[in-house]
């Protein structure tokens, strides 16, 4: 309607009405009156001496509107009236293409939809139908949800996204039924037993990734399947195509992984008891990934997450400061309440300070200003080089066997550079990355983690260009050992001897609680975990990681 200017006001005990400047609607003169009727607004359009009236409510959609729009949309879709259903959305073109593909490409017949009870602006519904391809048919059933929003013209409409059609679809993806281009694979654990998503729920996305990578070379043949075929955006996010329904079985090839069945089962139990938790366990001496699990099964945060790691990043920063002679484990080091750099005033948790303390004390208590105070002595690219050259991070060259994100430590300046020293700013990691950091400290050198042996496909693993010096490595191990025994990691690591650890809490805009991080090693095991919106890492991610270190002996 464009911008509206308030020109008059009348008040009474029964109503308040604001008249607005006339607007042009397709050549007709329209006047908008806010307050008309029972809290709605009305549009009167005069055209060719005809007068039409449409009344819509302002503000959030009502329960009645959600129910009415949802049923109108689903009824049209069920009846095969694609154009009519698409017109009830805020993107008729995209909706029309997807709804047409539901029948034409996915070969879904006799679809029926049953609505649940509207909650706020959403309506859950059940989908039941039959997928028929050539002479093969199988029943299809799943749950989905749609959201109703108010369009610019005031009408309530379906907020269109591909996920309305199926919850596994991202915008740009599509459904298709036919001979799967990629044969299925049977993934095996390190002992040769089959890995399934039914037994290990967290492995769903990993199994999809294994099929995507090895299906054509593992010796299998394709079957007939209903699949999610990923679009450009999903592929850019390294999401693999996904099988939704198998109409006829293909012959799977086999792919052996490095996963330990005992540790994987333990990891599943640990994250299953918490919301938004992820964890990874690796073997420092080889780089083998022994376990990976997520509370949420829709996205593999353990391998592909991109989150600020908080104070667990201080392991890398400490190695840098020690290398440059800016800190030493047993020497005095500043830990003031505040330190200002680049226009930002940084502080410690609860504004604590350590007077006349050592760098070990600052590391163990996770003193932010002990690290921020050294920013003036560093070049902008120093932390990036340390992460890449020593810890093998942030170069986009890991090849673990399935899609993964190998961390990001961008070159930054001023306050953002200082924030990077404590795992904020532009630094991004996931549990796989931080487990690798602890593994590098434990073994003394970076070994790229992998889920499938490079001998299977002769791929080249990433390497680091240099190792930590003997003195820096000795001090770094001492810092993590002290933290595990007497610092912020002590409670979680109780009963675990001979290991080292670091806690972290990463602030995220819009979150009431920070993400809790924990990374640690013991013997020939290293692990890291995160609990999003969990709070302090020592009490959230710490027990998960510690339990797995204990389970691994």
Protein backbone atom coordinates (compact mmCIF):
# COMPACT_ATOMS: atom_id res chain seq x y z
CA UNK A 1 0.00 0.00 0.00
CA UNK A 2 3.07 2.22 0.33
CA UNK A 3 3.68 4.65 3.17
CA UNK A 4 0.55 5.90 4.84
CA UNK A 5 0.15 9.31 6.50
CA UNK A 6 -2.16 9.88 9.43
CA UNK A 7 -4.49 12.78 8.57
CA UNK A 8 -7.38 12.61 10.99
CA UNK A 9 -8.43 11.08 14.26
CA UNK A 10 -11.76 10.50 15.97
CA UNK A 11 -12.15 9.05 19.40
CA UNK A 12 -15.15 7.65 21.27
CA UNK A 13 -15.69 5.16 24.06
CA UNK A 14 -16.50 2.50 21.46
CA UNK A 15 -13.81 2.81 18.82
CA UNK A 16 -10.72 4.60 17.50
CA UNK A 17 -10.39 5.08 13.79
CA UNK A 18 -7.48 6.39 11.75
CA UNK A 19 -8.07 7.58 8.18
CA UNK A 20 -5.17 7.16 5.82
CA UNK A 21 -4.18 8.82 2.58
CA UNK A 22 -5.84 7.18 -0.45
CA UNK A 23 -3.72 4.64 -2.33
CA UNK A 24 -3.96 3.40 -5.90
CA UNK A 25 -4.78 -0.30 -6.40
CA UNK A 26 -4.52 -1.30 -10.06
CA UNK A 27 -6.06 1.96 -11.24
CA UNK A 28 -8.78 1.98 -8.57
CA UNK A 29 -8.91 4.44 -5.70
CA UNK A 30 -8.66 2.77 -2.30
CA UNK A 31 -8.96 4.08 1.23
CA UNK A 32 -7.54 2.11 4.15
CA UNK A 33 -9.31 2.45 7.48
CA UNK A 34 -7.50 0.97 10.46
CA UNK A 35 -9.79 0.03 13.30
CA UNK A 36 -12.70 -0.99 11.10
CA UNK A 37 -14.88 -3.69 12.52
CA UNK A 38 -13.44 -5.89 15.24
CA UNK A 39 -9.83 -4.72 15.15
CA UNK A 40 -9.32 -5.35 11.44
CA UNK A 41 -8.60 -3.10 8.53
CA UNK A 42 -10.74 -2.81 5.44
CA UNK A 43 -9.95 -1.92 1.85
CA UNK A 44 -12.71 -0.16 -0.15
CA UNK A 45 -11.94 -0.07 -3.87
CA UNK A 46 -14.14 1.88 -6.32
CA UNK A 47 -13.79 0.85 -9.94
CA UNK A 48 -16.32 1.25 -12.78
CA UNK A 49 -18.94 2.30 -10.22
CA UNK A 50 -18.56 -1.11 -8.49
CA UNK A 51 -17.59 -1.29 -4.83
CA UNK A 52 -15.80 -4.32 -3.37
CA UNK A 53 -14.75 -4.90 0.22
CA UNK A 54 -12.08 -7.24 1.62
CA UNK A 55 -11.42 -7.34 5.35
CA UNK A 56 -8.15 -8.61 6.87
CA UNK A 57 -6.73 -8.41 10.35
CA UNK A 58 -3.44 -6.58 11.00
CA UNK A 59 -0.59 -8.09 12.98
CA UNK A 60 -0.01 -11.79 13.69
CA UNK A 61 -2.21 -14.42 12.10
CA UNK A 62 -4.97 -15.87 14.25
CA UNK A 63 -5.61 -19.51 15.10
CA UNK A 64 -8.67 -19.41 12.83
CA UNK A 65 -6.64 -18.04 9.93
CA UNK A 66 -3.92 -20.66 10.34
CA UNK A 67 -6.50 -23.44 10.34
CA UNK A 68 -8.44 -22.05 7.38
CA UNK A 69 -5.40 -21.39 5.18
CA UNK A 70 -3.78 -24.74 6.00
CA UNK A 71 -6.92 -26.68 5.12
CA UNK A 72 -7.48 -24.68 1.94
CA UNK A 73 -3.90 -25.37 0.83
CA UNK A 74 -3.92 -29.07 1.71
CA UNK A 75 -7.36 -29.67 0.23
CA UNK A 76 -6.27 -28.18 -3.10
CA UNK A 77 -2.99 -30.11 -3.04
CA UNK A 78 -4.78 -33.37 -2.24
CA UNK A 79 -7.23 -32.76 -5.06
CA UNK A 80 -4.44 -32.25 -7.58
CA UNK A 81 -5.30 -28.57 -8.04
CA UNK A 82 -1.70 -27.42 -7.99
CA UNK A 83 -2.28 -23.85 -9.20
CA UNK A 84 -4.99 -23.34 -6.59
CA UNK A 85 -2.77 -24.68 -3.79
CA UNK A 86 0.22 -22.62 -4.94
CA UNK A 87 -1.91 -19.47 -4.96
CA UNK A 88 -2.43 -19.87 -1.21
CA UNK A 89 1.33 -19.42 -0.66
CA UNK A 90 3.62 -16.39 -0.70
CA UNK A 91 5.64 -17.89 -3.60
CA UNK A 92 3.21 -19.44 -6.11
CA UNK A 93 5.91 -20.10 -8.71
CA UNK A 94 8.21 -22.12 -6.43
CA UNK A 95 5.28 -23.84 -4.75
CA UNK A 96 3.74 -24.80 -8.08
CA UNK A 97 6.98 -26.33 -9.33
CA UNK A 98 7.50 -28.34 -6.15
CA UNK A 99 3.91 -29.56 -5.91
CA UNK A 100 3.97 -30.59 -9.58
CA UNK A 101 7.20 -32.48 -8.99
CA UNK A 102 5.61 -34.29 -6.05
CA UNK A 103 3.38 -36.12 -8.52
CA UNK A 104 5.39 -36.03 -11.74
CA UNK A 105 8.95 -36.65 -10.49
CA UNK A 106 8.44 -38.30 -7.11
CA UNK A 107 5.57 -40.41 -8.51
CA UNK A 108 3.42 -40.01 -5.40
CA UNK A 109 -0.20 -41.06 -5.97
CA UNK A 110 -3.35 -40.90 -3.87
CA UNK A 111 -1.81 -38.46 -1.42
CA UNK A 112 -3.98 -37.67 1.60
CA UNK A 113 -3.31 -35.08 4.28
CA UNK A 114 -4.55 -34.97 7.86
CA UNK A 115 -4.08 -31.81 9.90
CA UNK A 116 -3.21 -31.73 13.56
CA UNK A 117 -3.83 -28.84 15.94
CA UNK A 118 -2.49 -25.41 15.05
CA UNK A 119 0.11 -24.00 17.43
CA UNK A 120 0.76 -20.27 17.09
CA UNK A 121 1.36 -19.78 13.36
CA UNK A 122 2.13 -23.40 12.45
CA UNK A 123 0.02 -26.36 11.43
CA UNK A 124 1.36 -29.93 11.64
CA UNK A 125 -0.01 -32.45 9.18
CA UNK A 126 0.41 -36.09 8.23
CA UNK A 127 1.11 -37.23 4.68
CA UNK A 128 -0.03 -40.63 3.45
CA UNK A 129 0.21 -41.87 -0.12
CA UNK A 130 1.70 -44.41 -2.49
CA UNK A 131 4.90 -44.18 -4.51
CA UNK A 132 4.48 -46.03 -7.81
CA UNK A 133 7.24 -46.48 -10.36
CA UNK A 134 6.89 -48.83 -13.32
CA UNK A 135 5.29 -51.94 -11.77
CA UNK A 136 6.50 -51.32 -8.22
CA UNK A 137 4.47 -49.55 -5.50
CA UNK A 138 5.11 -48.87 -1.82
CA UNK A 139 3.22 -46.89 0.81
CA UNK A 140 4.63 -43.55 1.89
CA UNK A 141 4.00 -41.82 5.20
CA UNK A 142 5.61 -38.96 7.11
CA UNK A 143 4.85 -35.86 9.17
CA UNK A 144 5.37 -32.28 8.03
CA UNK A 145 4.55 -28.73 9.12
CA UNK A 146 3.55 -25.51 7.41
CA UNK A 147 3.66 -21.95 8.69
CA UNK A 148 1.09 -19.25 7.94
CA UNK A 149 2.19 -15.63 7.65
CA UNK A 150 0.54 -12.40 6.67
CA UNK A 151 1.34 -11.19 3.16
CA UNK A 152 2.01 -7.54 2.34
CA UNK A 153 -1.59 -7.13 1.27
CA UNK A 154 -2.78 -8.40 4.64
CA UNK A 155 -3.93 -11.82 3.49
CA UNK A 156 -2.85 -14.90 5.48
CA UNK A 157 -0.80 -17.25 3.26
CA UNK A 158 1.44 -20.30 3.57
CA UNK A 159 5.07 -19.28 4.12
CA UNK A 160 6.51 -21.29 1.27
CA UNK A 161 9.59 -23.45 1.70
CA UNK A 162 10.42 -26.82 0.16
CA UNK A 163 10.26 -28.34 3.65
CA UNK A 164 6.46 -28.01 3.53
CA UNK A 165 6.43 -30.87 1.02
CA UNK A 166 8.91 -32.97 3.03
CA UNK A 167 10.88 -31.98 6.15
CA UNK A 168 14.17 -33.27 4.68
CA UNK A 169 13.97 -30.85 1.75
CA UNK A 170 15.92 -27.60 1.74
CA UNK A 171 14.99 -24.79 -0.64
CA UNK A 172 16.34 -25.69 -4.07
CA UNK A 173 16.19 -29.46 -3.46
CA UNK A 174 13.70 -31.74 -5.20
CA UNK A 175 12.14 -35.19 -4.87
CA UNK A 176 12.58 -37.88 -7.51
CA UNK A 177 11.78 -41.57 -7.80
CA UNK A 178 13.71 -43.84 -10.14
CA UNK A 179 16.85 -45.87 -10.40
CA UNK A 180 19.24 -44.41 -7.86
CA UNK A 181 22.25 -43.00 -9.66
CA UNK A 182 24.46 -44.08 -6.80
CA UNK A 183 24.34 -47.71 -5.62
CA UNK A 184 23.83 -48.32 -1.90
CA UNK A 185 26.71 -49.17 0.40
CA UNK A 186 26.96 -51.32 3.48
CA UNK A 187 29.11 -49.41 5.95
CA UNK A 188 31.15 -51.51 8.36
CA UNK A 189 32.74 -50.63 11.67
CA UNK A 190 36.41 -51.32 12.35
CA UNK A 191 35.52 -54.90 13.38
CA UNK A 192 33.66 -55.62 10.14
CA UNK A 193 30.10 -55.44 11.52
CA UNK A 194 27.41 -53.43 9.73
CA UNK A 195 26.63 -49.87 10.82
CA UNK A 196 22.99 -48.82 10.53
CA UNK A 197 21.08 -45.68 11.43
CA UNK A 198 18.62 -47.82 13.36
CA UNK A 199 21.36 -49.00 15.71
CA UNK A 200 23.33 -45.75 15.68
CA UNK A 201 20.87 -42.88 14.99
CA UNK A 202 23.59 -40.25 14.66
CA UNK A 203 25.10 -41.99 11.66
CA UNK A 204 22.26 -41.22 9.25
CA UNK A 205 23.97 -38.26 7.55
CA UNK A 206 27.34 -40.01 7.69
CA UNK A 207 25.95 -43.10 5.96
CA UNK A 208 24.44 -40.83 3.29
CA UNK A 209 27.85 -39.24 2.82
CA UNK A 210 29.57 -42.62 2.50
CA UNK A 211 27.13 -43.66 -0.19
CA UNK A 212 27.63 -40.39 -2.05
CA UNK A 213 31.42 -40.79 -1.96
CA UNK A 214 31.89 -44.53 -2.43
CA UNK A 215 28.63 -45.88 -3.91
CA UNK A 216 29.88 -45.99 -7.48
CA UNK A 217 33.20 -47.64 -6.62
CA UNK A 218 32.25 -50.03 -3.79
CA UNK A 219 30.95 -52.76 -6.11
CA UNK A 220 27.18 -52.38 -5.70
CA UNK A 221 24.27 -51.87 -8.09
CA UNK A 222 21.47 -49.30 -7.83
CA UNK A 223 17.87 -49.99 -6.83
CA UNK A 224 14.63 -47.99 -7.28
CA UNK A 225 14.26 -45.26 -4.64
CA UNK A 226 12.46 -42.08 -3.70
CA UNK A 227 15.28 -39.65 -2.99
CA UNK A 228 15.99 -36.07 -2.04
CA UNK A 229 18.20 -34.66 -4.77
CA UNK A 230 20.17 -31.71 -3.44
CA UNK A 231 20.22 -28.31 -5.11
CA UNK A 232 23.09 -25.85 -5.39
CA UNK A 233 22.69 -24.38 -1.90
CA UNK A 234 22.56 -27.80 -0.24
CA UNK A 235 25.57 -29.02 -2.22
CA UNK A 236 27.46 -25.90 -1.21
CA UNK A 237 26.68 -26.89 2.40
CA UNK A 238 27.97 -30.39 1.56
CA UNK A 239 24.63 -32.10 2.17
CA UNK A 240 24.39 -35.48 0.45
CA UNK A 241 21.40 -36.80 -1.49
CA UNK A 242 19.10 -38.76 0.81
CA UNK A 243 17.02 -41.90 0.33
CA UNK A 244 13.48 -41.55 1.72
CA UNK A 245 11.91 -44.79 0.49
CA UNK A 246 13.38 -47.89 -1.09
CA UNK A 247 11.02 -49.48 -3.62
CA UNK A 248 13.42 -52.19 -4.72
CA UNK A 249 16.73 -53.05 -3.18
CA UNK A 250 19.95 -52.51 -5.00
CA UNK A 251 23.01 -54.60 -4.30
CA UNK A 252 25.17 -52.73 -1.80
CA UNK A 253 28.92 -52.49 -1.96
CA UNK A 254 30.89 -52.43 1.28
CA UNK A 255 32.91 -49.64 2.86
CA UNK A 256 34.89 -50.20 6.04
CA UNK A 257 35.18 -47.30 8.48
CA UNK A 258 37.37 -46.63 11.49
CA UNK A 259 34.44 -46.39 13.93
CA UNK A 260 34.60 -48.35 17.18
CA UNK A 261 31.21 -50.00 17.90
CA UNK A 262 31.69 -49.68 21.66
CA UNK A 263 32.68 -46.02 21.57
CA UNK A 264 30.01 -45.17 19.01
CA UNK A 265 27.34 -46.76 21.19
CA UNK A 266 28.66 -44.85 24.21
CA UNK A 267 28.67 -41.59 22.24
CA UNK A 268 25.07 -42.16 21.15
CA UNK A 269 24.03 -42.68 24.78
CA UNK A 270 25.82 -39.56 26.00
CA UNK A 271 24.41 -37.13 23.43
CA UNK A 272 21.00 -38.80 23.61
CA UNK A 273 20.62 -37.58 27.18
CA UNK A 274 21.07 -33.93 26.19
CA UNK A 275 19.71 -31.43 23.72
CA UNK A 276 21.88 -30.07 20.90
CA UNK A 277 24.99 -31.99 21.90
CA UNK A 278 27.73 -33.29 19.58
CA UNK A 279 30.95 -35.20 20.21
CA UNK A 280 33.86 -36.78 18.32
CA UNK A 281 36.58 -39.21 19.45
CA UNK A 282 39.83 -39.71 17.50
CA UNK A 283 43.01 -41.77 17.91
CA UNK A 284 45.94 -39.30 18.08
CA UNK A 285 48.58 -41.79 16.89
CA UNK A 286 46.79 -42.42 13.57
CA UNK A 287 44.02 -39.85 13.09
CA UNK A 288 41.32 -42.54 12.98
CA UNK A 289 37.85 -41.32 13.96
CA UNK A 290 36.49 -43.75 16.55
CA UNK A 291 33.09 -42.17 17.28
CA UNK A 292 30.90 -39.27 16.19
CA UNK A 293 27.42 -38.48 17.51
CA UNK A 294 24.83 -35.69 17.54
CA UNK A 295 21.63 -35.17 19.52
CA UNK A 296 20.00 -33.72 16.42
CA UNK A 297 20.06 -36.07 13.46
CA UNK A 298 19.22 -33.64 10.67
CA UNK A 299 22.66 -32.02 10.38
CA UNK A 300 26.06 -33.43 11.27
CA UNK A 301 27.32 -30.73 13.65
CA UNK A 302 30.12 -33.06 14.78
CA UNK A 303 31.80 -32.94 11.35
CA UNK A 304 30.21 -30.00 9.56
CA UNK A 305 29.31 -27.55 12.30
CA UNK A 306 30.75 -24.03 12.15
CA UNK A 307 30.63 -22.59 15.66
CA UNK A 308 32.80 -20.25 17.70
CA UNK A 309 34.86 -22.58 19.94
CA UNK A 310 35.27 -20.14 22.84
CA UNK A 311 38.10 -20.74 25.27
CA UNK A 312 39.05 -24.16 23.85
CA UNK A 313 40.79 -22.03 21.21
CA UNK A 314 43.21 -20.95 23.95
CA UNK A 315 45.08 -24.21 23.38
CA UNK A 316 46.16 -22.93 19.96
CA UNK A 317 46.65 -19.36 21.20
CA UNK A 318 48.81 -20.57 24.11
CA UNK A 319 51.07 -22.45 21.72
CA UNK A 320 51.48 -19.22 19.74
CA UNK A 321 52.26 -17.09 22.79
CA UNK A 322 54.78 -19.62 24.09
CA UNK A 323 56.42 -19.90 20.67
CA UNK A 324 56.84 -16.12 20.55
CA UNK A 325 58.11 -15.79 24.10
CA UNK A 326 55.02 -13.84 25.20
CA UNK A 327 54.04 -16.41 27.84
CA UNK A 328 55.58 -19.29 29.77
CA UNK A 329 53.79 -21.82 31.93
CA UNK A 330 55.69 -21.09 35.14
CA UNK A 331 56.20 -17.34 34.71
CA UNK A 332 54.12 -14.41 35.93
CA UNK A 333 51.44 -13.30 33.49
CA UNK A 334 48.83 -10.51 33.67
CA UNK A 335 45.17 -11.34 34.23
CA UNK A 336 43.38 -8.02 34.91
CA UNK A 337 39.61 -7.61 35.23
CA UNK A 338 39.49 -5.70 31.97
CA UNK A 339 41.63 -5.06 28.90
CA UNK A 340 40.74 -2.69 26.08
CA UNK A 341 41.96 -3.28 22.55
CA UNK A 342 40.71 -2.03 19.20
CA UNK A 343 37.97 -0.03 20.90
CA UNK A 344 36.49 -3.02 22.71
CA UNK A 345 36.62 -3.52 26.45
CA UNK A 346 37.14 -7.21 27.20
CA UNK A 347 36.52 -8.79 30.59
CA UNK A 348 36.69 -12.13 32.36
CA UNK A 349 33.75 -14.25 33.45
CA UNK A 350 32.32 -12.61 36.57
CA UNK A 351 35.01 -9.91 36.13
CA UNK A 352 37.59 -11.87 38.12
CA UNK A 353 41.30 -11.07 38.13
CA UNK A 354 44.41 -12.98 39.16
CA UNK A 355 47.05 -10.88 40.87
CA UNK A 356 50.69 -11.97 40.57
CA UNK A 357 49.61 -15.25 38.97
CA UNK A 358 51.39 -17.46 36.45
CA UNK A 359 50.31 -18.21 32.91
CA UNK A 360 49.35 -21.68 34.15
CA UNK A 361 46.90 -20.13 36.59
CA UNK A 362 45.40 -17.96 33.83
CA UNK A 363 45.03 -20.93 31.45
CA UNK A 364 43.51 -23.17 34.13
CA UNK A 365 40.96 -20.57 35.15
CA UNK A 366 40.39 -19.50 31.53
CA UNK A 367 41.34 -15.85 31.99
CA UNK A 368 40.34 -13.97 28.83
CA UNK A 369 42.42 -10.86 29.49
CA UNK A 370 45.59 -12.94 29.87
CA UNK A 371 45.30 -13.59 26.13
CA UNK A 372 43.70 -10.33 24.98
CA UNK A 373 46.50 -8.38 26.70
CA UNK A 374 49.00 -9.91 24.26
CA UNK A 375 47.14 -8.72 21.14
CA UNK A 376 49.29 -5.56 20.82
CA UNK A 377 52.37 -7.80 20.48
CA UNK A 378 50.94 -9.90 17.64
CA UNK A 379 50.59 -9.44 13.90
CA UNK A 380 47.10 -9.84 12.45
CA UNK A 381 47.94 -13.11 10.71
CA UNK A 382 49.89 -14.81 13.51
CA UNK A 383 47.00 -16.89 14.90
CA UNK A 384 45.91 -17.92 11.40
CA UNK A 385 49.41 -19.16 10.58
CA UNK A 386 49.67 -21.08 13.86
CA UNK A 387 46.33 -22.81 13.29
CA UNK A 388 47.18 -23.72 9.71
CA UNK A 389 50.86 -24.59 9.94
CA UNK A 390 50.88 -26.47 13.26
CA UNK A 391 47.31 -27.73 13.78
CA UNK A 392 46.32 -28.25 10.12
CA UNK A 393 43.16 -26.14 10.45
CA UNK A 394 41.40 -23.68 8.18
CA UNK A 395 42.90 -24.67 4.82
CA UNK A 396 39.88 -26.50 3.40
CA UNK A 397 41.96 -29.57 2.52
CA UNK A 398 40.80 -32.31 4.90
CA UNK A 399 39.59 -35.48 3.18
CA UNK A 400 38.08 -37.64 5.93
CA UNK A 401 35.87 -39.77 3.65
CA UNK A 402 32.60 -37.83 4.06
CA UNK A 403 31.79 -34.10 3.95
CA UNK A 404 33.44 -32.10 6.74
CA UNK A 405 34.43 -28.58 7.70
CA UNK A 406 38.05 -28.22 8.77
CA UNK A 407 37.73 -25.00 10.74
CA UNK A 408 38.25 -21.32 9.97
CA UNK A 409 40.70 -18.90 11.55
CA UNK A 410 40.59 -15.87 9.27
CA UNK A 411 43.08 -13.02 9.41
CA UNK A 412 41.42 -10.21 11.36
CA UNK A 413 42.45 -6.88 12.83
CA UNK A 414 41.87 -4.71 15.86
CA UNK A 415 39.16 -5.95 18.26
CA UNK A 416 38.19 -8.90 16.06
CA UNK A 417 41.78 -10.15 16.06
CA UNK A 418 41.84 -9.91 19.84
CA UNK A 419 38.52 -11.75 20.10
CA UNK A 420 39.92 -14.53 17.91
CA UNK A 421 42.55 -15.25 20.56
CA UNK A 422 39.78 -16.48 22.88
CA UNK A 423 37.80 -18.33 20.22
CA UNK A 424 35.34 -15.60 19.30
CA UNK A 425 35.47 -13.12 16.41
CA UNK A 426 35.55 -14.98 13.12
CA UNK A 427 36.97 -18.26 14.45
CA UNK A 428 34.75 -21.27 13.67
CA UNK A 429 35.20 -24.92 14.66
CA UNK A 430 33.32 -28.15 15.31
CA UNK A 431 33.96 -31.11 17.63
CA UNK A 432 36.04 -32.91 14.97
CA UNK A 433 38.36 -29.90 14.68
CA UNK A 434 38.79 -29.50 18.43
CA UNK A 435 39.30 -33.24 18.98
CA UNK A 436 42.10 -32.95 16.43
CA UNK A 437 43.62 -30.06 18.40
CA UNK A 438 43.85 -32.20 21.53
CA UNK A 439 45.16 -35.10 19.45
CA UNK A 440 47.93 -32.85 18.08
CA UNK A 441 48.97 -31.91 21.62
CA UNK A 442 48.86 -35.54 22.78
CA UNK A 443 50.88 -36.95 19.87
CA UNK A 444 53.10 -33.96 19.22
CA UNK A 445 52.16 -33.58 15.56
CA UNK A 446 49.06 -33.09 13.40
CA UNK A 447 47.53 -36.17 11.80
CA UNK A 448 44.44 -35.45 9.74
CA UNK A 449 41.42 -37.29 11.14
CA UNK A 450 39.76 -39.79 8.81
CA UNK A 451 36.68 -42.02 8.82
CA UNK A 452 37.69 -44.19 5.87
CA UNK A 453 41.29 -45.26 5.37
CA UNK A 454 43.02 -43.44 2.50
CA UNK A 455 44.10 -46.87 1.27
CA UNK A 456 40.51 -47.45 0.10
CA UNK A 457 40.55 -44.74 -2.57
CA UNK A 458 44.18 -43.56 -2.54
CA UNK A 459 43.26 -40.02 -1.54
CA UNK A 460 45.84 -37.70 -0.02
CA UNK A 461 45.41 -36.62 3.59
CA UNK A 462 46.17 -33.09 4.74
CA UNK A 463 49.45 -32.43 6.52
CA UNK A 464 50.86 -29.60 8.64
CA UNK A 465 54.01 -27.80 7.56
CA UNK A 466 55.66 -27.76 11.00
CA UNK A 467 55.53 -29.21 14.50
CA UNK A 468 55.56 -27.53 17.86
CA UNK A 469 58.98 -27.20 19.39
CA UNK A 470 59.81 -29.64 22.18
CA UNK A 471 59.68 -26.88 24.81
CA UNK A 472 56.34 -25.46 23.61
CA UNK A 473 54.83 -28.94 23.48
CA UNK A 474 56.03 -29.72 27.01
CA UNK A 475 54.50 -26.51 28.37
CA UNK A 476 51.24 -26.96 26.46
CA UNK A 477 50.79 -30.47 27.84
CA UNK A 478 51.53 -29.16 31.35
CA UNK A 479 48.89 -26.43 30.95
CA UNK A 480 46.21 -28.90 29.88
CA UNK A 481 47.21 -31.43 32.58
CA UNK A 482 46.98 -28.78 35.30
CA UNK A 483 43.58 -27.63 34.01
CA UNK A 484 42.32 -31.23 34.07
CA UNK A 485 43.46 -31.66 37.67
CA UNK A 486 42.95 -28.25 39.26
CA UNK A 487 41.28 -25.90 36.77
CA UNK A 488 37.90 -25.48 35.12
CA UNK A 489 38.03 -29.05 33.73
CA UNK A 490 38.78 -30.75 37.07
CA UNK A 491 35.22 -31.74 37.95
CA UNK A 492 34.55 -33.41 34.61
CA UNK A 493 37.98 -35.09 34.50
CA UNK A 494 37.80 -36.46 38.05
CA UNK A 495 39.00 -40.07 38.09
CA UNK A 496 40.91 -39.72 34.80
CA UNK A 497 44.65 -39.74 35.26
CA UNK A 498 47.38 -38.87 32.82
CA UNK A 499 45.27 -36.63 30.60
CA UNK A 500 44.81 -33.00 29.72
CA UNK A 501 41.78 -30.81 29.02
CA UNK A 502 40.44 -27.34 28.25
CA UNK A 503 36.96 -25.93 28.73
CA UNK A 504 35.22 -23.26 26.71
CA UNK A 505 32.09 -21.13 26.63
CA UNK A 506 31.26 -19.27 23.43
CA UNK A 507 28.88 -16.33 23.46
CA UNK A 508 26.42 -16.24 20.56
CA UNK A 509 24.23 -13.24 19.71
CA UNK A 510 20.61 -13.88 20.58
CA UNK A 511 21.31 -16.82 22.88
CA UNK A 512 20.52 -16.62 26.58
CA UNK A 513 23.23 -19.17 27.38
CA UNK A 514 26.60 -19.66 25.67
CA UNK A 515 27.61 -22.81 23.82
CA UNK A 516 29.57 -25.09 26.15
CA UNK A 517 32.78 -26.68 24.79
CA UNK A 518 35.25 -29.26 26.10
CA UNK A 519 38.33 -30.85 24.54
CA UNK A 520 40.60 -33.40 26.20
CA UNK A 521 42.92 -36.36 25.74
CA UNK A 522 43.93 -39.43 27.69
CA UNK A 523 46.33 -42.10 26.50
CA UNK A 524 45.79 -42.67 22.76
CA UNK A 525 42.35 -41.06 22.77
CA UNK A 526 41.34 -37.45 22.15
CA UNK A 527 37.80 -36.09 22.16
CA UNK A 528 35.85 -32.87 21.96
CA UNK A 529 32.23 -31.94 22.35
CA UNK A 530 29.84 -29.03 22.31
CA UNK A 531 26.43 -28.46 23.87
CA UNK A 532 24.75 -25.57 22.11
CA UNK A 533 23.07 -23.11 24.47
CA UNK A 534 24.23 -25.31 27.32
CA UNK A 535 26.27 -22.89 29.41
CA UNK A 536 29.76 -23.48 30.77
CA UNK A 537 31.66 -26.24 29.01
CA UNK A 538 32.98 -27.90 32.14
CA UNK A 539 29.50 -28.88 33.32
CA UNK A 540 27.83 -29.48 29.93
CA UNK A 541 30.16 -30.89 27.28
CA UNK A 542 32.74 -31.96 29.87
CA UNK A 543 30.85 -34.99 31.23
CA UNK A 544 30.21 -36.24 27.68
CA UNK A 545 33.87 -36.11 26.69
CA UNK A 546 35.07 -37.54 30.00
CA UNK A 547 32.65 -40.46 29.78
CA UNK A 548 34.03 -41.41 26.37
CA UNK A 549 37.64 -41.14 27.50
CA UNK A 550 36.76 -43.52 30.33
CA UNK A 551 34.84 -45.85 28.01
CA UNK A 552 37.85 -46.08 25.72
CA UNK A 553 40.08 -47.23 28.54
